Amino acid sequence: MWMTASGRNNDHFAVEHSDDGVDWSVVLTVPGALDSQAQLRYTSEDLLPLPGTLDYRLCQTDVDGASSISDMVAVYLALFGSVIRIYPDPGLDRATLMYDEAIGSVTIMLVNGLGQPIAVDPARNQGRVEVDLSAVPEGMYLVVLSTASSAFRERLLVQH
């Protein structure tokens, strides 16, 4: 989350991350408000964070292409036991997701590296979900398992 007090010619923000503080990758972009005299609040989420310490920064770009970069902020993500188990990983044409049925009714979503949801039609059977990956392009995805009150995430590499 970040806030702006005002803005002029603000085209967009790019949230970037790095594991070494030298090479940066754009996580996502957020449209700017162009011209604003009001305080604005922006939020975003890295849907494919890596475990460990990552540096994040914000790059603000104006409509004329001029940009400025914020100070970096270090974020540590601990890797704990996962609620979701996926196999095989990498996924080929199918992947099986296992989860504890005690968490209740769930929805499954596959999210690509750009944060876009990918349509999948999972077959469910008591804590086990089979996902057809044959039409899913190769790449790194985030599997999001959502309940009424929580969301659990796990990475899945798709290779054909």
C-alpha atoms as a PDB file:
ATOM      1  CA  MET A   1       0.000   0.000   0.000  1.00  0.00           C
ATOM      2  CA  TRP A   2       1.167   3.520  -0.736  1.00  0.00           C
ATOM      3  CA  MET A   3      -0.403   6.962  -0.740  1.00  0.00           C
ATOM      4  CA  THR A   4       0.028  10.131  -2.749  1.00  0.00           C
ATOM      5  CA  ALA A   5      -0.784  13.591  -1.402  1.00  0.00           C
ATOM      6  CA  SER A   6      -1.388  14.902  -4.924  1.00  0.00           C
ATOM      7  CA  GLY A   7      -0.274  14.134  -8.454  1.00  0.00           C
ATOM      8  CA  ARG A   8       0.342  15.753 -11.805  1.00  0.00           C
ATOM      9  CA  ASN A   9       0.593  13.887 -15.128  1.00  0.00           C
ATOM     10  CA  ASN A  10       0.841  10.587 -13.221  1.00  0.00           C
ATOM     11  CA  ASP A  11       0.486   7.840 -15.839  1.00  0.00           C
ATOM     12  CA  HIS A  12       1.222   4.720 -13.765  1.00  0.00           C
ATOM     13  CA  PHE A  13       3.142   3.027 -10.989  1.00  0.00           C
ATOM     14  CA  ALA A  14       5.236  -0.111 -11.441  1.00  0.00           C
ATOM     15  CA  VAL A  15       5.822  -2.293  -8.379  1.00  0.00           C
ATOM     16  CA  GLU A  16       9.206  -3.990  -8.757  1.00  0.00           C
ATOM     17  CA  HIS A  17      11.046  -6.644  -6.767  1.00  0.00           C
ATOM     18  CA  SER A  18      14.606  -7.953  -6.610  1.00  0.00           C
ATOM     19  CA  ASP A  19      16.350 -10.745  -4.722  1.00  0.00           C
ATOM     20  CA  ASP A  20      19.770  -9.050  -4.989  1.00  0.00           C
ATOM     21  CA  GLY A  21      19.000  -5.293  -5.000  1.00  0.00           C
ATOM     22  CA  VAL A  22      20.566  -4.983  -8.491  1.00  0.00           C
ATOM     23  CA  ASP A  23      18.338  -6.775 -11.009  1.00  0.00           C
ATOM     24  CA  TRP A  24      14.707  -5.665 -10.766  1.00  0.00           C
ATOM     25  CA  SER A  25      11.547  -7.239 -12.211  1.00  0.00           C
ATOM     26  CA  VAL A  26       8.158  -5.564 -12.603  1.00  0.00           C
ATOM     27  CA  VAL A  27       5.619  -7.407 -10.444  1.00  0.00           C
ATOM     28  CA  LEU A  28       2.637  -5.385 -11.661  1.00  0.00           C
ATOM     29  CA  THR A  29       1.577  -1.980 -12.870  1.00  0.00           C
ATOM     30  CA  VAL A  30      -1.151   0.206 -11.412  1.00  0.00           C
ATOM     31  CA  PRO A  31      -2.733   3.087 -13.378  1.00  0.00           C
ATOM     32  CA  GLY A  32      -2.062   6.547 -11.995  1.00  0.00           C
ATOM     33  CA  ALA A  33      -4.670   9.230 -11.412  1.00  0.00           C
ATOM     34  CA  LEU A  34      -3.177  11.634 -14.025  1.00  0.00           C
ATOM     35  CA  ASP A  35      -3.949  14.894 -12.149  1.00  0.00           C
ATOM     36  CA  SER A  36      -5.197  14.873  -8.574  1.00  0.00           C
ATOM     37  CA  GLN A  37      -5.243  17.352  -5.705  1.00  0.00           C
ATOM     38  CA  ALA A  38      -6.653  14.773  -3.289  1.00  0.00           C
ATOM     39  CA  GLN A  39      -4.832  12.214  -1.195  1.00  0.00           C
ATOM     40  CA  LEU A  40      -5.067   8.838  -2.958  1.00  0.00           C
ATOM     41  CA  ARG A  41      -4.422   5.366  -1.571  1.00  0.00           C
ATOM     42  CA  TYR A  42      -3.090   2.585  -3.799  1.00  0.00           C
ATOM     43  CA  THR A  43      -2.867  -1.119  -3.013  1.00  0.00           C
ATOM     44  CA  SER A  44      -1.349  -4.085  -4.789  1.00  0.00           C
ATOM     45  CA  GLU A  45      -0.262  -7.636  -4.047  1.00  0.00           C
ATOM     46  CA  ASP A  46       2.616  -9.715  -5.350  1.00  0.00           C
ATOM     47  CA  LEU A  47       0.728 -12.878  -6.321  1.00  0.00           C
ATOM     48  CA  LEU A  48       3.902 -14.882  -6.926  1.00  0.00           C
ATOM     49  CA  PRO A  49       6.229 -13.891  -4.072  1.00  0.00           C
ATOM     50  CA  LEU A  50       9.390 -15.876  -3.521  1.00  0.00           C
ATOM     51  CA  PRO A  51      10.214 -17.183  -0.041  1.00  0.00           C
ATOM     52  CA  GLY A  52      13.013 -15.380   1.777  1.00  0.00           C
ATOM     53  CA  THR A  53      13.910 -11.709   1.620  1.00  0.00           C
ATOM     54  CA  LEU A  54      12.956  -9.641  -1.414  1.00  0.00           C
ATOM     55  CA  ASP A  55      13.489  -5.937  -1.962  1.00  0.00           C
ATOM     56  CA  TYR A  56      10.528  -3.989  -3.320  1.00  0.00           C
ATOM     57  CA  ARG A  57      10.382  -0.518  -4.797  1.00  0.00           C
ATOM     58  CA  LEU A  58       7.908   1.685  -6.614  1.00  0.00           C
ATOM     59  CA  CYS A  59       8.581   3.354  -9.958  1.00  0.00           C
ATOM     60  CA  GLN A  60       6.229   6.240 -10.772  1.00  0.00           C
ATOM     61  CA  THR A  61       6.026   7.232 -14.444  1.00  0.00           C
ATOM     62  CA  ASP A  62       4.497  10.416 -15.863  1.00  0.00           C
ATOM     63  CA  VAL A  63       2.622  10.678 -19.173  1.00  0.00           C
ATOM     64  CA  ASP A  64       5.779  12.183 -20.770  1.00  0.00           C
ATOM     65  CA  GLY A  65       7.843   9.115 -19.751  1.00  0.00           C
ATOM     66  CA  ALA A  66       9.737  10.801 -16.908  1.00  0.00           C
ATOM     67  CA  SER A  67       9.964   8.552 -13.868  1.00  0.00           C
ATOM     68  CA  SER A  68      11.117   8.458 -10.267  1.00  0.00           C
ATOM     69  CA  ILE A  69      11.997   5.485  -8.086  1.00  0.00           C
ATOM     70  CA  SER A  70      11.219   5.117  -4.385  1.00  0.00           C
ATOM     71  CA  ASP A  71      13.575   3.805  -1.734  1.00  0.00           C
ATOM     72  CA  MET A  72      13.585   0.011  -1.511  1.00  0.00           C
ATOM     73  CA  VAL A  73      11.856  -1.861   1.275  1.00  0.00           C
ATOM     74  CA  ALA A  74      12.981  -5.341   2.325  1.00  0.00           C
ATOM     75  CA  VAL A  75      10.195  -7.894   2.882  1.00  0.00           C
ATOM     76  CA  TYR A  76      10.778 -11.314   4.405  1.00  0.00           C
ATOM     77  CA  LEU A  77       8.358 -14.140   3.559  1.00  0.00           C
ATOM     78  CA  ALA A  78       8.715 -17.245   5.685  1.00  0.00           C
ATOM     79  CA  LEU A  79       7.820 -20.549   4.102  1.00  0.00           C
ATOM     80  CA  PHE A  80       5.624 -22.578   6.447  1.00  0.00           C
ATOM     81  CA  GLY A  81       3.797 -25.825   5.924  1.00  0.00           C
ATOM     82  CA  SER A  82       1.306 -25.443   3.128  1.00  0.00           C
ATOM     83  CA  VAL A  83      -2.423 -26.115   3.274  1.00  0.00           C
ATOM     84  CA  ILE A  84      -2.252 -27.140  -0.411  1.00  0.00           C
ATOM     85  CA  ARG A  85      -0.139 -29.978  -1.772  1.00  0.00           C
ATOM     86  CA  ILE A  86       0.303 -30.149  -5.546  1.00  0.00           C
ATOM     87  CA  TYR A  87       1.740 -32.959  -7.595  1.00  0.00           C
ATOM     88  CA  PRO A  88       3.351 -33.495  -9.939  1.00  0.00           C
ATOM     89  CA  ASP A  89       5.306 -30.252  -9.859  1.00  0.00           C
ATOM     90  CA  PRO A  90       6.157 -29.317 -12.499  1.00  0.00           C
ATOM     91  CA  GLY A  91       2.663 -30.032 -13.787  1.00  0.00           C
ATOM     92  CA  LEU A  92       2.403 -31.675 -17.178  1.00  0.00           C
ATOM     93  CA  ASP A  93      -1.092 -32.190 -18.617  1.00  0.00           C
ATOM     94  CA  ARG A  94      -2.769 -32.689 -15.227  1.00  0.00           C
ATOM     95  CA  ALA A  95      -2.096 -31.669 -11.645  1.00  0.00           C
ATOM     96  CA  THR A  96      -3.596 -33.002  -8.439  1.00  0.00           C
ATOM     97  CA  LEU A  97      -4.255 -30.656  -5.524  1.00  0.00           C
ATOM     98  CA  MET A  98      -4.710 -32.112  -2.073  1.00  0.00           C
ATOM     99  CA  TYR A  99      -6.130 -30.110   0.817  1.00  0.00           C
ATOM    100  CA  ASP A 100      -7.684 -30.715   4.222  1.00  0.00           C
ATOM    101  CA  GLU A 101     -11.457 -31.075   3.813  1.00  0.00           C
ATOM    102  CA  ALA A 102     -11.904 -29.539   7.263  1.00  0.00           C
ATOM    103  CA  ILE A 103     -11.351 -26.067   5.783  1.00  0.00           C
ATOM    104  CA  GLY A 104     -14.787 -26.346   4.140  1.00  0.00           C
ATOM    105  CA  SER A 105     -16.055 -25.479   0.687  1.00  0.00           C
ATOM    106  CA  VAL A 106     -13.341 -24.167  -1.640  1.00  0.00           C
ATOM    107  CA  THR A 107     -12.908 -22.480  -4.987  1.00  0.00           C
ATOM    108  CA  ILE A 108      -9.787 -23.013  -7.083  1.00  0.00           C
ATOM    109  CA  MET A 109      -8.168 -20.393  -9.301  1.00  0.00           C
ATOM    110  CA  LEU A 110      -4.992 -20.479 -11.377  1.00  0.00           C
ATOM    111  CA  VAL A 111      -3.199 -17.101 -11.724  1.00  0.00           C
ATOM    112  CA  ASN A 112      -0.446 -16.376 -14.248  1.00  0.00           C
ATOM    113  CA  GLY A 113       2.664 -14.253 -13.662  1.00  0.00           C
ATOM    114  CA  LEU A 114       0.806 -11.104 -14.753  1.00  0.00           C
ATOM    115  CA  GLY A 115      -1.832 -11.639 -12.056  1.00  0.00           C
ATOM    116  CA  GLN A 116      -4.462 -12.706 -14.591  1.00  0.00           C
ATOM    117  CA  PRO A 117      -6.784 -15.602 -13.695  1.00  0.00           C
ATOM    118  CA  ILE A 118      -6.631 -18.626 -15.998  1.00  0.00           C
ATOM    119  CA  ALA A 119      -9.839 -20.588 -16.492  1.00  0.00           C
ATOM    120  CA  VAL A 120      -9.630 -24.175 -15.227  1.00  0.00           C
ATOM    121  CA  ASP A 121     -12.398 -26.693 -14.680  1.00  0.00           C
ATOM    122  CA  PRO A 122     -11.334 -28.755 -11.669  1.00  0.00           C
ATOM    123  CA  ALA A 123     -12.857 -32.149 -10.858  1.00  0.00           C
ATOM    124  CA  ARG A 124     -13.362 -32.405  -7.083  1.00  0.00           C
ATOM    125  CA  ASN A 125     -13.471 -35.408  -4.802  1.00  0.00           C
ATOM    126  CA  GLN A 126     -13.232 -35.021  -1.007  1.00  0.00           C
ATOM    127  CA  GLY A 127     -10.092 -32.936  -0.459  1.00  0.00           C
ATOM    128  CA  ARG A 128      -8.652 -33.834  -3.839  1.00  0.00           C
ATOM    129  CA  VAL A 129      -8.895 -31.732  -6.997  1.00  0.00           C
ATOM    130  CA  GLU A 130      -7.760 -32.783 -10.464  1.00  0.00           C
ATOM    131  CA  VAL A 131      -6.899 -29.884 -12.785  1.00  0.00           C
ATOM    132  CA  ASP A 132      -6.535 -30.293 -16.540  1.00  0.00           C
ATOM    133  CA  LEU A 133      -3.459 -28.300 -17.613  1.00  0.00           C
ATOM    134  CA  SER A 134      -3.343 -29.436 -21.238  1.00  0.00           C
ATOM    135  CA  ALA A 135      -4.626 -26.065 -22.553  1.00  0.00           C
ATOM    136  CA  VAL A 136      -2.651 -23.964 -20.049  1.00  0.00           C
ATOM    137  CA  PRO A 137       0.499 -22.334 -21.517  1.00  0.00           C
ATOM    138  CA  GLU A 138       3.836 -23.288 -19.966  1.00  0.00           C
ATOM    139  CA  GLY A 139       5.026 -21.039 -17.155  1.00  0.00           C
ATOM    140  CA  MET A 140       4.897 -20.333 -13.431  1.00  0.00           C
ATOM    141  CA  TYR A 141       1.424 -20.060 -11.909  1.00  0.00           C
ATOM    142  CA  LEU A 142      -0.088 -19.437  -8.539  1.00  0.00           C
ATOM    143  CA  VAL A 143      -2.787 -21.851  -7.407  1.00  0.00           C
ATOM    144  CA  VAL A 144      -5.229 -20.014  -5.147  1.00  0.00           C
ATOM    145  CA  LEU A 145      -7.547 -22.098  -2.983  1.00  0.00           C
ATOM    146  CA  SER A 146     -10.198 -19.858  -1.384  1.00  0.00           C
ATOM    147  CA  THR A 147     -12.695 -20.510   1.396  1.00  0.00           C
ATOM    148  CA  ALA A 148     -15.359 -18.159   2.736  1.00  0.00           C
ATOM    149  CA  SER A 149     -12.805 -16.575   5.090  1.00  0.00           C
ATOM    150  CA  SER A 150      -9.288 -17.402   3.819  1.00  0.00           C
ATOM    151  CA  ALA A 151      -7.133 -17.858   0.751  1.00  0.00           C
ATOM    152  CA  PHE A 152      -4.191 -20.243   0.439  1.00  0.00           C
ATOM    153  CA  ARG A 153      -1.569 -19.998  -2.275  1.00  0.00           C
ATOM    154  CA  GLU A 154       0.974 -22.391  -3.750  1.00  0.00           C
ATOM    155  CA  ARG A 155       3.196 -22.128  -6.841  1.00  0.00           C
ATOM    156  CA  LEU A 156       2.923 -24.524  -9.769  1.00  0.00           C
ATOM    157  CA  LEU A 157       5.260 -24.759 -12.743  1.00  0.00           C
ATOM    158  CA  VAL A 158       3.471 -25.953 -15.900  1.00  0.00           C
ATOM    159  CA  GLN A 159       5.624 -27.728 -18.508  1.00  0.00           C
ATOM    160  CA  HIS A 160       4.384 -29.745 -21.468  1.00  0.00           C
END
